[in-house]
Amino acid sequence: MRGSTVAEGTERTAVDVAVGVLIDAQGRFLLTSRPAGKVYAGYWEFPGGKLEAGETVEEALRRELQEELGITIAAAQPWKTEMMDYPHARVRLHFCKVWQWAGEFEMREGQAMAWQSLPVQVGPVLPGTVPVLAWFAAEQGFVGATH
């Protein structure tokens, strides 16, 4: 009964999504806004998109960042995976750190971009982005900090 929601109402097949956590030479990370017409339009997130049939996470991330941002990434380092239940979909987010890319950024979907550090200066932030900010805080020793 794949995809069936009749019996329990909560069983949904997860969609795999490759997410790029681009980090620049200053240690800042890239957030982009969700374009008009998409669910959560205007919310800020890490760029990426759904895996297509037969794609690996890195292949999907490479394709999505080329399509959305006009850049070609070098290696993507798998970092963490997080499940998110949104009202419209259940997604398995595969976060990958990326330190190198080629090309000029082009916002091909009409989205905005912002290089950020903690605490982020843009908002609102997509719920699936929040755990990543906590992971960055932990890596940088900010756990339990008040500012």
C-alpha atoms as a PDB file:
ATOM      1  CA  MET A   1       0.000   0.000   0.000  1.00  0.00           C
ATOM      2  CA  ARG A   2       2.775   2.395  -0.933  1.00  0.00           C
ATOM      3  CA  GLY A   3       1.602   5.988  -0.801  1.00  0.00           C
ATOM      4  CA  SER A   4      -1.681   5.030   0.850  1.00  0.00           C
ATOM      5  CA  THR A   5      -2.907   7.376   3.552  1.00  0.00           C
ATOM      6  CA  VAL A   6      -6.360   5.878   3.979  1.00  0.00           C
ATOM      7  CA  ALA A   7      -5.718   3.625   6.977  1.00  0.00           C
ATOM      8  CA  GLU A   8      -3.620   5.799   9.251  1.00  0.00           C
ATOM      9  CA  GLY A   9      -3.430   9.232   7.705  1.00  0.00           C
ATOM     10  CA  THR A  10       0.185   9.693   8.781  1.00  0.00           C
ATOM     11  CA  GLU A  11       2.062   7.174   6.639  1.00  0.00           C
ATOM     12  CA  ARG A  12       3.718   9.090   3.853  1.00  0.00           C
ATOM     13  CA  THR A  13       6.615   8.084   1.665  1.00  0.00           C
ATOM     14  CA  ALA A  14       9.618  10.318   2.297  1.00  0.00           C
ATOM     15  CA  VAL A  15      11.041  12.325  -0.583  1.00  0.00           C
ATOM     16  CA  ASP A  16      14.848  12.416  -0.701  1.00  0.00           C
ATOM     17  CA  VAL A  17      16.296  15.901  -1.072  1.00  0.00           C
ATOM     18  CA  ALA A  18      19.957  16.855  -1.604  1.00  0.00           C
ATOM     19  CA  VAL A  19      20.863  20.051   0.244  1.00  0.00           C
ATOM     20  CA  GLY A  20      24.019  22.092  -0.296  1.00  0.00           C
ATOM     21  CA  VAL A  21      25.649  23.832   2.633  1.00  0.00           C
ATOM     22  CA  LEU A  22      28.043  26.095   0.721  1.00  0.00           C
ATOM     23  CA  ILE A  23      30.765  27.552   2.929  1.00  0.00           C
ATOM     24  CA  ASP A  24      32.964  30.417   1.708  1.00  0.00           C
ATOM     25  CA  ALA A  25      36.560  31.317   2.620  1.00  0.00           C
ATOM     26  CA  GLN A  26      35.319  33.461   5.536  1.00  0.00           C
ATOM     27  CA  GLY A  27      33.345  30.556   6.986  1.00  0.00           C
ATOM     28  CA  ARG A  28      29.984  32.030   5.998  1.00  0.00           C
ATOM     29  CA  PHE A  29      27.213  29.810   4.618  1.00  0.00           C
ATOM     30  CA  LEU A  30      24.844  30.510   1.747  1.00  0.00           C
ATOM     31  CA  LEU A  31      21.101  30.786   2.242  1.00  0.00           C
ATOM     32  CA  THR A  32      18.630  31.362  -0.581  1.00  0.00           C
ATOM     33  CA  SER A  33      14.984  32.388  -0.473  1.00  0.00           C
ATOM     34  CA  ARG A  34      12.256  30.137  -1.813  1.00  0.00           C
ATOM     35  CA  PRO A  35      10.846  31.607  -5.025  1.00  0.00           C
ATOM     36  CA  ALA A  36       7.315  32.906  -5.483  1.00  0.00           C
ATOM     37  CA  GLY A  37       4.858  30.177  -6.381  1.00  0.00           C
ATOM     38  CA  LYS A  38       6.540  27.475  -4.281  1.00  0.00           C
ATOM     39  CA  VAL A  39       5.432  26.198  -0.891  1.00  0.00           C
ATOM     40  CA  TYR A  40       6.975  28.416   1.819  1.00  0.00           C
ATOM     41  CA  ALA A  41       7.743  31.159  -0.743  1.00  0.00           C
ATOM     42  CA  GLY A  42       9.999  33.809   0.805  1.00  0.00           C
ATOM     43  CA  TYR A  43      11.409  31.508   3.483  1.00  0.00           C
ATOM     44  CA  TRP A  44      15.191  31.147   3.613  1.00  0.00           C
ATOM     45  CA  GLU A  45      16.859  27.766   3.181  1.00  0.00           C
ATOM     46  CA  PHE A  46      19.994  26.000   2.039  1.00  0.00           C
ATOM     47  CA  PRO A  47      19.773  25.395  -1.739  1.00  0.00           C
ATOM     48  CA  GLY A  48      19.135  21.988  -3.275  1.00  0.00           C
ATOM     49  CA  GLY A  49      16.342  19.796  -4.518  1.00  0.00           C
ATOM     50  CA  LYS A  50      14.774  16.392  -4.973  1.00  0.00           C
ATOM     51  CA  LEU A  51      16.726  13.373  -6.150  1.00  0.00           C
ATOM     52  CA  GLU A  52      15.609  12.048  -9.520  1.00  0.00           C
ATOM     53  CA  ALA A  53      15.383   8.305 -10.191  1.00  0.00           C
ATOM     54  CA  GLY A  54      18.829   6.706 -10.175  1.00  0.00           C
ATOM     55  CA  GLU A  55      20.667   9.790  -8.889  1.00  0.00           C
ATOM     56  CA  THR A  56      23.039   9.804  -5.939  1.00  0.00           C
ATOM     57  CA  VAL A  57      22.805  12.646  -3.429  1.00  0.00           C
ATOM     58  CA  GLU A  58      25.922  14.278  -4.878  1.00  0.00           C
ATOM     59  CA  GLU A  59      24.657  13.959  -8.470  1.00  0.00           C
ATOM     60  CA  ALA A  60      21.328  15.529  -7.521  1.00  0.00           C
ATOM     61  CA  LEU A  61      23.044  18.327  -5.622  1.00  0.00           C
ATOM     62  CA  ARG A  62      25.375  19.038  -8.550  1.00  0.00           C
ATOM     63  CA  ARG A  63      22.387  19.190 -10.959  1.00  0.00           C
ATOM     64  CA  GLU A  64      20.180  21.282  -8.679  1.00  0.00           C
ATOM     65  CA  LEU A  65      22.854  23.880  -7.897  1.00  0.00           C
ATOM     66  CA  GLN A  66      23.631  24.208 -11.602  1.00  0.00           C
ATOM     67  CA  GLU A  67      19.914  24.627 -12.405  1.00  0.00           C
ATOM     68  CA  GLU A  68      19.097  27.006  -9.531  1.00  0.00           C
ATOM     69  CA  LEU A  69      22.315  28.974  -8.997  1.00  0.00           C
ATOM     70  CA  GLY A  70      24.349  28.530 -12.175  1.00  0.00           C
ATOM     71  CA  ILE A  71      27.385  27.137 -10.374  1.00  0.00           C
ATOM     72  CA  THR A  72      29.312  23.890 -10.727  1.00  0.00           C
ATOM     73  CA  ILE A  73      30.328  22.405  -7.397  1.00  0.00           C
ATOM     74  CA  ALA A  74      33.472  20.450  -6.643  1.00  0.00           C
ATOM     75  CA  ALA A  75      33.210  17.612  -4.116  1.00  0.00           C
ATOM     76  CA  ALA A  76      30.231  17.495  -1.753  1.00  0.00           C
ATOM     77  CA  GLN A  77      30.967  16.084   1.700  1.00  0.00           C
ATOM     78  CA  PRO A  78      27.978  14.228   3.192  1.00  0.00           C
ATOM     79  CA  TRP A  79      27.305  15.799   6.595  1.00  0.00           C
ATOM     80  CA  LYS A  80      23.995  14.895   8.224  1.00  0.00           C
ATOM     81  CA  THR A  81      20.544  13.585   7.340  1.00  0.00           C
ATOM     82  CA  GLU A  82      17.342  14.916   8.873  1.00  0.00           C
ATOM     83  CA  MET A  83      13.698  13.897   8.457  1.00  0.00           C
ATOM     84  CA  MET A  84      11.171  16.720   8.274  1.00  0.00           C
ATOM     85  CA  ASP A  85       7.406  16.381   8.237  1.00  0.00           C
ATOM     86  CA  TYR A  86       5.853  19.352   6.494  1.00  0.00           C
ATOM     87  CA  PRO A  87       2.101  19.612   5.927  1.00  0.00           C
ATOM     88  CA  HIS A  88       2.660  19.161   2.175  1.00  0.00           C
ATOM     89  CA  ALA A  89       5.373  16.467   2.268  1.00  0.00           C
ATOM     90  CA  ARG A  90       7.652  14.284   4.332  1.00  0.00           C
ATOM     91  CA  VAL A  91      11.256  14.881   3.277  1.00  0.00           C
ATOM     92  CA  ARG A  92      14.575  13.229   4.042  1.00  0.00           C
ATOM     93  CA  LEU A  93      17.125  16.037   3.837  1.00  0.00           C
ATOM     94  CA  HIS A  94      20.662  14.966   2.924  1.00  0.00           C
ATOM     95  CA  PHE A  95      22.909  17.874   3.962  1.00  0.00           C
ATOM     96  CA  CYS A  96      26.302  18.087   2.247  1.00  0.00           C
ATOM     97  CA  LYS A  97      29.049  20.618   2.894  1.00  0.00           C
ATOM     98  CA  VAL A  98      30.570  22.233  -0.189  1.00  0.00           C
ATOM     99  CA  TRP A  99      33.683  24.395  -0.031  1.00  0.00           C
ATOM    100  CA  GLN A 100      34.542  24.786  -3.721  1.00  0.00           C
ATOM    101  CA  TRP A 101      32.550  25.723  -6.809  1.00  0.00           C
ATOM    102  CA  ALA A 102      33.040  27.411 -10.165  1.00  0.00           C
ATOM    103  CA  GLY A 103      30.967  29.998 -11.976  1.00  0.00           C
ATOM    104  CA  GLU A 104      29.134  33.169 -11.068  1.00  0.00           C
ATOM    105  CA  PHE A 105      25.992  32.928  -8.958  1.00  0.00           C
ATOM    106  CA  GLU A 106      22.828  33.470 -10.999  1.00  0.00           C
ATOM    107  CA  MET A 107      19.496  33.382  -9.223  1.00  0.00           C
ATOM    108  CA  ARG A 108      17.734  31.438 -11.986  1.00  0.00           C
ATOM    109  CA  GLU A 109      14.422  31.022 -10.119  1.00  0.00           C
ATOM    110  CA  GLY A 110      14.081  34.648  -9.026  1.00  0.00           C
ATOM    111  CA  GLN A 111      15.237  33.821  -5.522  1.00  0.00           C
ATOM    112  CA  ALA A 112      17.498  35.967  -3.332  1.00  0.00           C
ATOM    113  CA  MET A 113      20.795  34.841  -1.809  1.00  0.00           C
ATOM    114  CA  ALA A 114      22.658  35.907   1.321  1.00  0.00           C
ATOM    115  CA  TRP A 115      25.967  34.836   2.840  1.00  0.00           C
ATOM    116  CA  GLN A 116      25.309  34.373   6.544  1.00  0.00           C
ATOM    117  CA  SER A 117      27.011  33.579   9.827  1.00  0.00           C
ATOM    118  CA  LEU A 118      25.454  32.974  13.227  1.00  0.00           C
ATOM    119  CA  PRO A 119      23.094  34.440  14.192  1.00  0.00           C
ATOM    120  CA  VAL A 120      21.462  34.656  10.764  1.00  0.00           C
ATOM    121  CA  GLN A 121      20.225  38.082   9.674  1.00  0.00           C
ATOM    122  CA  VAL A 122      17.546  36.895   7.226  1.00  0.00           C
ATOM    123  CA  GLY A 123      14.128  35.430   7.894  1.00  0.00           C
ATOM    124  CA  PRO A 124      11.852  33.703   8.143  1.00  0.00           C
ATOM    125  CA  VAL A 125      13.937  30.532   8.023  1.00  0.00           C
ATOM    126  CA  LEU A 126      12.444  27.300   6.680  1.00  0.00           C
ATOM    127  CA  PRO A 127      11.880  24.742   9.489  1.00  0.00           C
ATOM    128  CA  GLY A 128      14.242  22.266   7.795  1.00  0.00           C
ATOM    129  CA  THR A 129      17.025  24.847   8.017  1.00  0.00           C
ATOM    130  CA  VAL A 130      16.788  25.302  11.784  1.00  0.00           C
ATOM    131  CA  PRO A 131      18.603  22.062  12.746  1.00  0.00           C
ATOM    132  CA  VAL A 132      21.539  23.028  10.520  1.00  0.00           C
ATOM    133  CA  LEU A 133      21.948  26.324  12.335  1.00  0.00           C
ATOM    134  CA  ALA A 134      22.080  24.391  15.612  1.00  0.00           C
ATOM    135  CA  TRP A 135      24.725  22.049  14.145  1.00  0.00           C
ATOM    136  CA  PHE A 136      26.824  25.047  13.117  1.00  0.00           C
ATOM    137  CA  ALA A 137      26.427  26.509  16.602  1.00  0.00           C
ATOM    138  CA  ALA A 138      27.590  23.237  18.164  1.00  0.00           C
ATOM    139  CA  GLU A 139      30.598  23.049  15.821  1.00  0.00           C
ATOM    140  CA  GLN A 140      31.542  26.613  16.684  1.00  0.00           C
ATOM    141  CA  GLY A 141      31.187  26.101  20.423  1.00  0.00           C
ATOM    142  CA  PHE A 142      28.043  28.220  20.841  1.00  0.00           C
ATOM    143  CA  VAL A 143      25.992  25.501  22.574  1.00  0.00           C
ATOM    144  CA  GLY A 144      24.320  27.034  25.580  1.00  0.00           C
ATOM    145  CA  ALA A 145      25.526  30.548  24.687  1.00  0.00           C
ATOM    146  CA  THR A 146      23.063  33.363  25.266  1.00  0.00           C
ATOM    147  CA  HIS A 147      24.282  35.495  22.362  1.00  0.00           C
END
